[in-house]
Every structure is written in C-alpha cells, then in structure tokens.
Amino acid sequence: MMLLPIRSRVLHFIATEKSAHITEVMAGLEADYGSERQFTRANFVEHLLSLKENGLIDEESHLMTEEGDLQIVYAINDEGINTINKYLPKKWRLNG
C-alpha cells in the first residue's frame, strides 16, 4: 500500500474520524508510520498546528487527560475535505 506524506495522512485520518485529538491520531497511524523517526509527539503537534493554521481543520473542543495534560480535539472542515479531494490520489479521496 502506498503511504501518503504523513501530514496528508493526518488530515485524512481526521476526516475519516470526523474529529480526533493527538493521541487518537498517533494511535491510528502507528501501524503505518510508527517505525519512522519522524513519528514523534512533537512532530504530530506541528502537523496539527500547521493544518489548523492553513485552515484545513478546526479546534472542536478541549479535554484534560488523567495526567493533567490538555488535549485539543480537531475536526475536519470543508476546506480540509476539498483539499483531500483535490490533491490526494483518487483512492484516498472522500467523494469516491
């Protein structure tokens, strides 16, 4: 299976889940990307912040973990869906 660049895959994961926080995104992508050196929490924070700043995902809510860490839940928006359907290979598009 062809892997997408990880940031594109983060966007696609959030789109298919409708919303997710960093722990869910990393757990969902670990099987495909977990052995890569770039698979770090710091890099995923950067991916999520970049996607948000580029207007492809929105902050949906916030939660506090049992350890006292703040987790931001991100949701796909119309621009994110349009980007997936315009730029990702056909098998990764959301509109068939």
PDB file of N, CA and C in Angstrom:
ATOM      1  N   MET A   1       0.840  -1.191   0.000  1.00  0.00           N
ATOM      2  CA  MET A   1       0.000   0.000   0.000  1.00  0.00           C
ATOM      3  C   MET A   1       0.879   1.246   0.000  1.00  0.00           C
ATOM      4  N   MET A   2       0.590   2.156  -0.884  1.00  0.00           N
ATOM      5  CA  MET A   2       1.343   3.398  -0.962  1.00  0.00           C
ATOM      6  C   MET A   2       0.993   4.286   0.233  1.00  0.00           C
ATOM      7  N   LEU A   3       2.038   4.772   0.906  1.00  0.00           N
ATOM      8  CA  LEU A   3       1.810   5.674   2.025  1.00  0.00           C
ATOM      9  C   LEU A   3       1.810   7.116   1.530  1.00  0.00           C
ATOM     10  N   LEU A   4       0.936   7.894   2.109  1.00  0.00           N
ATOM     11  CA  LEU A   4       0.903   9.330   1.845  1.00  0.00           C
ATOM     12  C   LEU A   4       1.957  10.021   2.692  1.00  0.00           C
ATOM     13  N   PRO A   5       2.353  11.234   2.325  1.00  0.00           N
ATOM     14  CA  PRO A   5       3.149  12.023   3.261  1.00  0.00           C
ATOM     15  C   PRO A   5       2.371  12.114   4.581  1.00  0.00           C
ATOM     16  N   ILE A   6       3.092  12.083   5.675  1.00  0.00           N
ATOM     17  CA  ILE A   6       2.429  11.934   6.975  1.00  0.00           C
ATOM     18  C   ILE A   6       1.437  13.057   7.274  1.00  0.00           C
ATOM     19  N   ARG A   7       1.741  14.278   6.886  1.00  0.00           N
ATOM     20  CA  ARG A   7       0.804  15.382   7.167  1.00  0.00           C
ATOM     21  C   ARG A   7      -0.500  15.185   6.394  1.00  0.00           C
ATOM     22  N   SER A   8      -0.398  14.721   5.164  1.00  0.00           N
ATOM     23  CA  SER A   8      -1.610  14.426   4.389  1.00  0.00           C
ATOM     24  C   SER A   8      -2.403  13.313   5.041  1.00  0.00           C
ATOM     25  N   ARG A   9      -1.703  12.341   5.570  1.00  0.00           N
ATOM     26  CA  ARG A   9      -2.376  11.213   6.223  1.00  0.00           C
ATOM     27  C   ARG A   9      -3.035  11.640   7.528  1.00  0.00           C
ATOM     28  N   VAL A  10      -2.421  12.585   8.249  1.00  0.00           N
ATOM     29  CA  VAL A  10      -3.048  13.133   9.461  1.00  0.00           C
ATOM     30  C   VAL A  10      -4.373  13.798   9.084  1.00  0.00           C
ATOM     31  N   LEU A  11      -4.348  14.600   8.034  1.00  0.00           N
ATOM     32  CA  LEU A  11      -5.568  15.267   7.570  1.00  0.00           C
ATOM     33  C   LEU A  11      -6.623  14.236   7.180  1.00  0.00           C
ATOM     34  N   HIS A  12      -6.224  13.224   6.438  1.00  0.00           N
ATOM     35  CA  HIS A  12      -7.162  12.190   6.007  1.00  0.00           C
ATOM     36  C   HIS A  12      -7.727  11.428   7.205  1.00  0.00           C
ATOM     37  N   PHE A  13      -6.886  11.127   8.189  1.00  0.00           N
ATOM     38  CA  PHE A  13      -7.358  10.417   9.381  1.00  0.00           C
ATOM     39  C   PHE A  13      -8.424  11.217  10.107  1.00  0.00           C
ATOM     40  N   ILE A  14      -8.176  12.494  10.298  1.00  0.00           N
ATOM     41  CA  ILE A  14      -9.166  13.335  10.982  1.00  0.00           C
ATOM     42  C   ILE A  14     -10.460  13.383  10.172  1.00  0.00           C
ATOM     43  N   ALA A  15     -10.344  13.432   8.864  1.00  0.00           N
ATOM     44  CA  ALA A  15     -11.545  13.456   8.018  1.00  0.00           C
ATOM     45  C   ALA A  15     -12.357  12.178   8.158  1.00  0.00           C
ATOM     46  N   THR A  16     -11.694  11.040   8.202  1.00  0.00           N
ATOM     47  CA  THR A  16     -12.439   9.786   8.286  1.00  0.00           C
ATOM     48  C   THR A  16     -13.009   9.548   9.679  1.00  0.00           C
ATOM     49  N   GLU A  17     -12.383  10.137  10.693  1.00  0.00           N
ATOM     50  CA  GLU A  17     -12.883  10.006  12.061  1.00  0.00           C
ATOM     51  C   GLU A  17     -13.847  11.132  12.432  1.00  0.00           C
ATOM     52  N   LYS A  18     -13.919  12.158  11.614  1.00  0.00           N
ATOM     53  CA  LYS A  18     -14.707  13.376  11.829  1.00  0.00           C
ATOM     54  C   LYS A  18     -14.061  14.312  12.841  1.00  0.00           C
ATOM     55  N   SER A  19     -13.444  13.765  13.894  1.00  0.00           N
ATOM     56  CA  SER A  19     -12.673  14.568  14.838  1.00  0.00           C
ATOM     57  C   SER A  19     -11.748  13.634  15.623  1.00  0.00           C
ATOM     58  N   ALA A  20     -10.644  14.215  16.117  1.00  0.00           N
ATOM     59  CA  ALA A  20      -9.682  13.406  16.874  1.00  0.00           C
ATOM     60  C   ALA A  20      -8.700  14.319  17.588  1.00  0.00           C
ATOM     61  N   HIS A  21      -8.121  13.814  18.686  1.00  0.00           N
ATOM     62  CA  HIS A  21      -7.035  14.526  19.354  1.00  0.00           C
ATOM     63  C   HIS A  21      -5.733  13.798  19.038  1.00  0.00           C
ATOM     64  N   ILE A  22      -4.623  14.393  19.429  1.00  0.00           N
ATOM     65  CA  ILE A  22      -3.304  13.901  19.026  1.00  0.00           C
ATOM     66  C   ILE A  22      -3.072  12.435  19.380  1.00  0.00           C
ATOM     67  N   THR A  23      -3.511  12.006  20.543  1.00  0.00           N
ATOM     68  CA  THR A  23      -3.302  10.615  20.950  1.00  0.00           C
ATOM     69  C   THR A  23      -4.046   9.670  20.021  1.00  0.00           C
ATOM     70  N   GLU A  24      -5.259  10.033  19.629  1.00  0.00           N
ATOM     71  CA  GLU A  24      -6.037   9.208  18.702  1.00  0.00           C
ATOM     72  C   GLU A  24      -5.396   9.176  17.318  1.00  0.00           C
ATOM     73  N   VAL A  25      -4.917  10.323  16.861  1.00  0.00           N
ATOM     74  CA  VAL A  25      -4.272  10.385  15.541  1.00  0.00           C
ATOM     75  C   VAL A  25      -3.033   9.493  15.533  1.00  0.00           C
ATOM     76  N   MET A  26      -2.198   9.641  16.547  1.00  0.00           N
ATOM     77  CA  MET A  26      -0.971   8.843  16.596  1.00  0.00           C
ATOM     78  C   MET A  26      -1.272   7.351  16.706  1.00  0.00           C
ATOM     79  N   ALA A  27      -2.255   6.976  17.496  1.00  0.00           N
ATOM     80  CA  ALA A  27      -2.630   5.565  17.620  1.00  0.00           C
ATOM     81  C   ALA A  27      -3.150   5.032  16.292  1.00  0.00           C
ATOM     82  N   GLY A  28      -3.933   5.848  15.587  1.00  0.00           N
ATOM     83  CA  GLY A  28      -4.499   5.424  14.320  1.00  0.00           C
ATOM     84  C   GLY A  28      -3.480   5.281  13.207  1.00  0.00           C
ATOM     85  N   LEU A  29      -2.377   5.996  13.297  1.00  0.00           N
ATOM     86  CA  LEU A  29      -1.366   5.965  12.235  1.00  0.00           C
ATOM     87  C   LEU A  29      -0.123   5.160  12.609  1.00  0.00           C
ATOM     88  N   GLU A  30      -0.070   4.678  13.822  1.00  0.00           N
ATOM     89  CA  GLU A  30       1.126   3.989  14.291  1.00  0.00           C
ATOM     90  C   GLU A  30       1.470   2.753  13.457  1.00  0.00           C
ATOM     91  N   ALA A  31       0.486   1.987  13.044  1.00  0.00           N
ATOM     92  CA  ALA A  31       0.763   0.772  12.275  1.00  0.00           C
ATOM     93  C   ALA A  31       1.509   1.080  10.979  1.00  0.00           C
ATOM     94  N   ASP A  32       1.181   2.181  10.336  1.00  0.00           N
ATOM     95  CA  ASP A  32       1.814   2.529   9.065  1.00  0.00           C
ATOM     96  C   ASP A  32       3.071   3.373   9.226  1.00  0.00           C
ATOM     97  N   TYR A  33       3.103   4.258  10.201  1.00  0.00           N
ATOM     98  CA  TYR A  33       4.187   5.237  10.314  1.00  0.00           C
ATOM     99  C   TYR A  33       5.019   5.114  11.586  1.00  0.00           C
ATOM    100  N   GLY A  34       4.639   4.237  12.487  1.00  0.00           N
ATOM    101  CA  GLY A  34       5.261   4.163  13.799  1.00  0.00           C
ATOM    102  C   GLY A  34       6.751   3.870  13.799  1.00  0.00           C
ATOM    103  N   SER A  35       7.256   3.217  12.770  1.00  0.00           N
ATOM    104  CA  SER A  35       8.682   2.894  12.729  1.00  0.00           C
ATOM    105  C   SER A  35       9.539   4.029  12.153  1.00  0.00           C
ATOM    106  N   GLU A  36       8.901   5.090  11.681  1.00  0.00           N
ATOM    107  CA  GLU A  36       9.643   6.218  11.117  1.00  0.00           C
ATOM    108  C   GLU A  36      10.162   7.126  12.230  1.00  0.00           C
ATOM    109  N   ARG A  37      11.345   7.694  12.003  1.00  0.00           N
ATOM    110  CA  ARG A  37      11.934   8.585  13.011  1.00  0.00           C
ATOM    111  C   ARG A  37      11.083   9.829  13.245  1.00  0.00           C
ATOM    112  N   GLN A  38      10.331  10.240  12.235  1.00  0.00           N
ATOM    113  CA  GLN A  38       9.502  11.437  12.387  1.00  0.00           C
ATOM    114  C   GLN A  38       8.225  11.187  13.189  1.00  0.00           C
ATOM    115  N   PHE A  39       7.994   9.950  13.593  1.00  0.00           N
ATOM    116  CA  PHE A  39       6.787   9.604  14.346  1.00  0.00           C
ATOM    117  C   PHE A  39       6.999   9.947  15.819  1.00  0.00           C
ATOM    118  N   THR A  40       6.905  11.249  16.113  1.00  0.00           N
ATOM    119  CA  THR A  40       7.059  11.737  17.488  1.00  0.00           C
ATOM    120  C   THR A  40       5.890  12.644  17.824  1.00  0.00           C
ATOM    121  N   ARG A  41       5.612  12.748  19.093  1.00  0.00           N
ATOM    122  CA  ARG A  41       4.530  13.622  19.547  1.00  0.00           C
ATOM    123  C   ARG A  41       4.791  15.075  19.116  1.00  0.00           C
ATOM    124  N   ALA A  42       6.030  15.517  19.235  1.00  0.00           N
ATOM    125  CA  ALA A  42       6.362  16.893  18.840  1.00  0.00           C
ATOM    126  C   ALA A  42       6.064  17.137  17.366  1.00  0.00           C
ATOM    127  N   ASN A  43       6.384  16.182  16.516  1.00  0.00           N
ATOM    128  CA  ASN A  43       6.087  16.349  15.090  1.00  0.00           C
ATOM    129  C   ASN A  43       4.584  16.341  14.824  1.00  0.00           C
ATOM    130  N   PHE A  44       3.855  15.526  15.567  1.00  0.00           N
ATOM    131  CA  PHE A  44       2.400  15.500  15.372  1.00  0.00           C
ATOM    132  C   PHE A  44       1.751  16.796  15.855  1.00  0.00           C
ATOM    133  N   VAL A  45       2.269  17.369  16.917  1.00  0.00           N
ATOM    134  CA  VAL A  45       1.782  18.690  17.340  1.00  0.00           C
ATOM    135  C   VAL A  45       1.988  19.675  16.205  1.00  0.00           C
ATOM    136  N   GLU A  46       3.174  19.641  15.596  1.00  0.00           N
ATOM    137  CA  GLU A  46       3.468  20.539  14.481  1.00  0.00           C
ATOM    138  C   GLU A  46       2.531  20.292  13.296  1.00  0.00           C
ATOM    139  N   HIS A  47       2.290  19.037  12.964  1.00  0.00           N
ATOM    140  CA  HIS A  47       1.375  18.716  11.856  1.00  0.00           C
ATOM    141  C   HIS A  47      -0.025  19.280  12.125  1.00  0.00           C
ATOM    142  N   LEU A  48      -0.527  19.040  13.322  1.00  0.00           N
ATOM    143  CA  LEU A  48      -1.873  19.505  13.657  1.00  0.00           C
ATOM    144  C   LEU A  48      -1.955  21.032  13.657  1.00  0.00           C
ATOM    145  N   LEU A  49      -0.969  21.686  14.233  1.00  0.00           N
ATOM    146  CA  LEU A  49      -0.980  23.150  14.244  1.00  0.00           C
ATOM    147  C   LEU A  49      -0.879  23.720  12.835  1.00  0.00           C
ATOM    148  N   SER A  50      -0.073  23.104  11.997  1.00  0.00           N
ATOM    149  CA  SER A  50       0.061  23.561  10.611  1.00  0.00           C
ATOM    150  C   SER A  50      -1.256  23.385   9.844  1.00  0.00           C
ATOM    151  N   LEU A  51      -1.884  22.240  10.013  1.00  0.00           N
ATOM    152  CA  LEU A  51      -3.175  22.009   9.346  1.00  0.00           C
ATOM    153  C   LEU A  51      -4.220  23.018   9.825  1.00  0.00           C
ATOM    154  N   LYS A  52      -4.202  23.322  11.116  1.00  0.00           N
ATOM    155  CA  LYS A  52      -5.137  24.314  11.656  1.00  0.00           C
ATOM    156  C   LYS A  52      -4.840  25.699  11.097  1.00  0.00           C
ATOM    157  N   GLU A  53      -3.578  26.098  11.107  1.00  0.00           N
ATOM    158  CA  GLU A  53      -3.211  27.433  10.622  1.00  0.00           C
ATOM    159  C   GLU A  53      -3.456  27.597   9.137  1.00  0.00           C
ATOM    160  N   ASN A  54      -3.437  26.510   8.394  1.00  0.00           N
ATOM    161  CA  ASN A  54      -3.727  26.562   6.965  1.00  0.00           C
ATOM    162  C   ASN A  54      -5.210  26.427   6.672  1.00  0.00           C
ATOM    163  N   GLY A  55      -6.029  26.401   7.722  1.00  0.00           N
ATOM    164  CA  GLY A  55      -7.479  26.416   7.561  1.00  0.00           C
ATOM    165  C   GLY A  55      -8.095  25.106   7.130  1.00  0.00           C
ATOM    166  N   LEU A  56      -7.410  23.974   7.385  1.00  0.00           N
ATOM    167  CA  LEU A  56      -7.922  22.680   6.943  1.00  0.00           C
ATOM    168  C   LEU A  56      -8.633  21.900   8.039  1.00  0.00           C
ATOM    169  N   ILE A  57      -8.325  22.230   9.295  1.00  0.00           N
ATOM    170  CA  ILE A  57      -9.014  21.641  10.444  1.00  0.00           C
ATOM    171  C   ILE A  57      -9.312  22.752  11.443  1.00  0.00           C
ATOM    172  N   ASP A  58     -10.257  22.491  12.317  1.00  0.00           N
ATOM    173  CA  ASP A  58     -10.643  23.460  13.349  1.00  0.00           C
ATOM    174  C   ASP A  58     -10.556  22.812  14.723  1.00  0.00           C
ATOM    175  N   GLU A  59     -10.333  23.639  15.733  1.00  0.00           N
ATOM    176  CA  GLU A  59     -10.430  23.147  17.103  1.00  0.00           C
ATOM    177  C   GLU A  59     -11.911  22.929  17.406  1.00  0.00           C
ATOM    178  N   GLU A  60     -12.229  21.728  17.857  1.00  0.00           N
ATOM    179  CA  GLU A  60     -13.619  21.396  18.158  1.00  0.00           C
ATOM    180  C   GLU A  60     -13.898  21.491  19.655  1.00  0.00           C
ATOM    181  N   SER A  61     -12.964  20.984  20.447  1.00  0.00           N
ATOM    182  CA  SER A  61     -13.127  21.005  21.904  1.00  0.00           C
ATOM    183  C   SER A  61     -11.775  20.752  22.553  1.00  0.00           C
ATOM    184  N   HIS A  62     -11.794  20.757  23.885  1.00  0.00           N
ATOM    185  CA  HIS A  62     -10.582  20.513  24.666  1.00  0.00           C
ATOM    186  C   HIS A  62     -10.909  19.510  25.754  1.00  0.00           C
ATOM    187  N   LEU A  63      -9.948  18.649  26.070  1.00  0.00           N
ATOM    188  CA  LEU A  63     -10.126  17.731  27.190  1.00  0.00           C
ATOM    189  C   LEU A  63      -8.881  17.721  28.056  1.00  0.00           C
ATOM    190  N   MET A  64      -9.066  17.308  29.280  1.00  0.00           N
ATOM    191  CA  MET A  64      -7.955  17.170  30.206  1.00  0.00           C
ATOM    192  C   MET A  64      -7.756  15.671  30.447  1.00  0.00           C
ATOM    193  N   THR A  65      -6.523  15.192  30.248  1.00  0.00           N
ATOM    194  CA  THR A  65      -6.241  13.782  30.482  1.00  0.00           C
ATOM    195  C   THR A  65      -6.118  13.525  31.988  1.00  0.00           C
ATOM    196  N   GLU A  66      -6.102  12.266  32.348  1.00  0.00           N
ATOM    197  CA  GLU A  66      -5.927  11.902  33.754  1.00  0.00           C
ATOM    198  C   GLU A  66      -4.589  12.392  34.295  1.00  0.00           C
ATOM    199  N   GLU A  67      -3.611  12.560  33.402  1.00  0.00           N
ATOM    200  CA  GLU A  67      -2.283  13.043  33.798  1.00  0.00           C
ATOM    201  C   GLU A  67      -2.246  14.566  33.905  1.00  0.00           C
ATOM    202  N   GLY A  68      -3.354  15.222  33.596  1.00  0.00           N
ATOM    203  CA  GLY A  68      -3.418  16.673  33.678  1.00  0.00           C
ATOM    204  C   GLY A  68      -2.962  17.397  32.432  1.00  0.00           C
ATOM    205  N   ASP A  69      -2.847  16.683  31.320  1.00  0.00           N
ATOM    206  CA  ASP A  69      -2.440  17.296  30.053  1.00  0.00           C
ATOM    207  C   ASP A  69      -3.674  17.735  29.271  1.00  0.00           C
ATOM    208  N   LEU A  70      -3.567  18.890  28.650  1.00  0.00           N
ATOM    209  CA  LEU A  70      -4.631  19.398  27.795  1.00  0.00           C
ATOM    210  C   LEU A  70      -4.534  18.747  26.434  1.00  0.00           C
ATOM    211  N   GLN A  71      -5.647  18.245  25.931  1.00  0.00           N
ATOM    212  CA  GLN A  71      -5.692  17.690  24.578  1.00  0.00           C
ATOM    213  C   GLN A  71      -6.734  18.467  23.793  1.00  0.00           C
ATOM    214  N   ILE A  72      -6.338  18.920  22.630  1.00  0.00           N
ATOM    215  CA  ILE A  72      -7.245  19.638  21.746  1.00  0.00           C
ATOM    216  C   ILE A  72      -7.821  18.643  20.751  1.00  0.00           C
ATOM    217  N   VAL A  73      -9.130  18.662  20.605  1.00  0.00           N
ATOM    218  CA  VAL A  73      -9.808  17.810  19.642  1.00  0.00           C
ATOM    219  C   VAL A  73     -10.008  18.634  18.375  1.00  0.00           C
ATOM    220  N   TYR A  74      -9.521  18.105  17.268  1.00  0.00           N
ATOM    221  CA  TYR A  74      -9.625  18.789  15.981  1.00  0.00           C
ATOM    222  C   TYR A  74     -10.670  18.107  15.109  1.00  0.00           C
ATOM    223  N   ALA A  75     -11.345  18.907  14.284  1.00  0.00           N
ATOM    224  CA  ALA A  75     -12.357  18.395  13.364  1.00  0.00           C
ATOM    225  C   ALA A  75     -12.042  18.892  11.956  1.00  0.00           C
ATOM    226  N   ILE A  76     -12.347  18.075  11.001  1.00  0.00           N
ATOM    227  CA  ILE A  76     -12.174  18.451   9.594  1.00  0.00           C
ATOM    228  C   ILE A  76     -13.187  19.540   9.259  1.00  0.00           C
ATOM    229  N   ASN A  77     -12.841  20.409   8.338  1.00  0.00           N
ATOM    230  CA  ASN A  77     -13.796  21.413   7.855  1.00  0.00           C
ATOM    231  C   ASN A  77     -13.920  21.278   6.342  1.00  0.00           C
ATOM    232  N   ASP A  78     -14.752  22.096   5.735  1.00  0.00           N
ATOM    233  CA  ASP A  78     -14.992  21.983   4.287  1.00  0.00           C
ATOM    234  C   ASP A  78     -13.723  22.187   3.473  1.00  0.00           C
ATOM    235  N   GLU A  79     -12.877  23.108   3.892  1.00  0.00           N
ATOM    236  CA  GLU A  79     -11.633  23.353   3.158  1.00  0.00           C
ATOM    237  C   GLU A  79     -10.719  22.133   3.224  1.00  0.00           C
ATOM    238  N   GLY A  80     -10.683  21.473   4.366  1.00  0.00           N
ATOM    239  CA  GLY A  80      -9.892  20.254   4.504  1.00  0.00           C
ATOM    240  C   GLY A  80     -10.410  19.149   3.603  1.00  0.00           C
ATOM    241  N   ILE A  81     -11.711  18.977   3.563  1.00  0.00           N
ATOM    242  CA  ILE A  81     -12.311  17.965   2.682  1.00  0.00           C
ATOM    243  C   ILE A  81     -12.024  18.295   1.228  1.00  0.00           C
ATOM    244  N   ASN A  82     -12.182  19.569   0.847  1.00  0.00           N
ATOM    245  CA  ASN A  82     -11.894  19.971  -0.531  1.00  0.00           C
ATOM    246  C   ASN A  82     -10.442  19.713  -0.896  1.00  0.00           C
ATOM    247  N   THR A  83      -9.531  19.966   0.033  1.00  0.00           N
ATOM    248  CA  THR A  83      -8.106  19.742  -0.207  1.00  0.00           C
ATOM    249  C   THR A  83      -7.819  18.260  -0.425  1.00  0.00           C
ATOM    250  N   ILE A  84      -8.397  17.411   0.402  1.00  0.00           N
ATOM    251  CA  ILE A  84      -8.228  15.965   0.234  1.00  0.00           C
ATOM    252  C   ILE A  84      -8.718  15.539  -1.141  1.00  0.00           C
ATOM    253  N   ASN A  85      -9.897  15.981  -1.504  1.00  0.00           N
ATOM    254  CA  ASN A  85     -10.494  15.554  -2.767  1.00  0.00           C
ATOM    255  C   ASN A  85      -9.801  16.147  -3.992  1.00  0.00           C
ATOM    256  N   LYS A  86      -9.111  17.242  -3.821  1.00  0.00           N
ATOM    257  CA  LYS A  86      -8.424  17.880  -4.947  1.00  0.00           C
ATOM    258  C   LYS A  86      -6.997  17.368  -5.127  1.00  0.00           C
ATOM    259  N   TYR A  87      -6.290  17.131  -4.014  1.00  0.00           N
ATOM    260  CA  TYR A  87      -4.850  16.877  -4.109  1.00  0.00           C
ATOM    261  C   TYR A  87      -4.395  15.455  -3.804  1.00  0.00           C
ATOM    262  N   LEU A  88      -5.183  14.685  -3.086  1.00  0.00           N
ATOM    263  CA  LEU A  88      -4.735  13.338  -2.764  1.00  0.00           C
ATOM    264  C   LEU A  88      -5.063  12.373  -3.904  1.00  0.00           C
ATOM    265  N   PRO A  89      -4.291  11.290  -4.014  1.00  0.00           N
ATOM    266  CA  PRO A  89      -4.596  10.282  -5.048  1.00  0.00           C
ATOM    267  C   PRO A  89      -6.037   9.797  -4.922  1.00  0.00           C
ATOM    268  N   LYS A  90      -6.589   9.363  -6.032  1.00  0.00           N
ATOM    269  CA  LYS A  90      -8.006   9.021  -6.112  1.00  0.00           C
ATOM    270  C   LYS A  90      -8.462   8.048  -5.006  1.00  0.00           C
ATOM    271  N   LYS A  91      -7.652   7.046  -4.678  1.00  0.00           N
ATOM    272  CA  LYS A  91      -8.080   6.064  -3.677  1.00  0.00           C
ATOM    273  C   LYS A  91      -8.203   6.653  -2.282  1.00  0.00           C
ATOM    274  N   TRP A  92      -7.629   7.839  -2.054  1.00  0.00           N
ATOM    275  CA  TRP A  92      -7.690   8.482  -0.741  1.00  0.00           C
ATOM    276  C   TRP A  92      -8.783   9.552  -0.671  1.00  0.00           C
ATOM    277  N   ARG A  93      -9.425   9.841  -1.773  1.00  0.00           N
ATOM    278  CA  ARG A  93     -10.437  10.897  -1.778  1.00  0.00           C
ATOM    279  C   ARG A  93     -11.687  10.458  -1.028  1.00  0.00           C
ATOM    280  N   LEU A  94     -12.420  11.449  -0.567  1.00  0.00           N
ATOM    281  CA  LEU A  94     -13.594  11.169   0.259  1.00  0.00           C
ATOM    282  C   LEU A  94     -14.893  11.106  -0.543  1.00  0.00           C
ATOM    283  N   ASN A  95     -14.840  11.592  -1.765  1.00  0.00           N
ATOM    284  CA  ASN A  95     -16.071  11.604  -2.572  1.00  0.00           C
ATOM    285  C   ASN A  95     -16.079  10.496  -3.614  1.00  0.00           C
ATOM    286  N   GLY A  96     -15.277   9.485  -3.390  1.00  0.00           N
ATOM    287  CA  GLY A  96     -15.268   8.341  -4.298  1.00  0.00           C
ATOM    288  C   GLY A  96     -14.287   8.548  -5.374  1.00  0.00           C
TER     289      GLY A  96
END
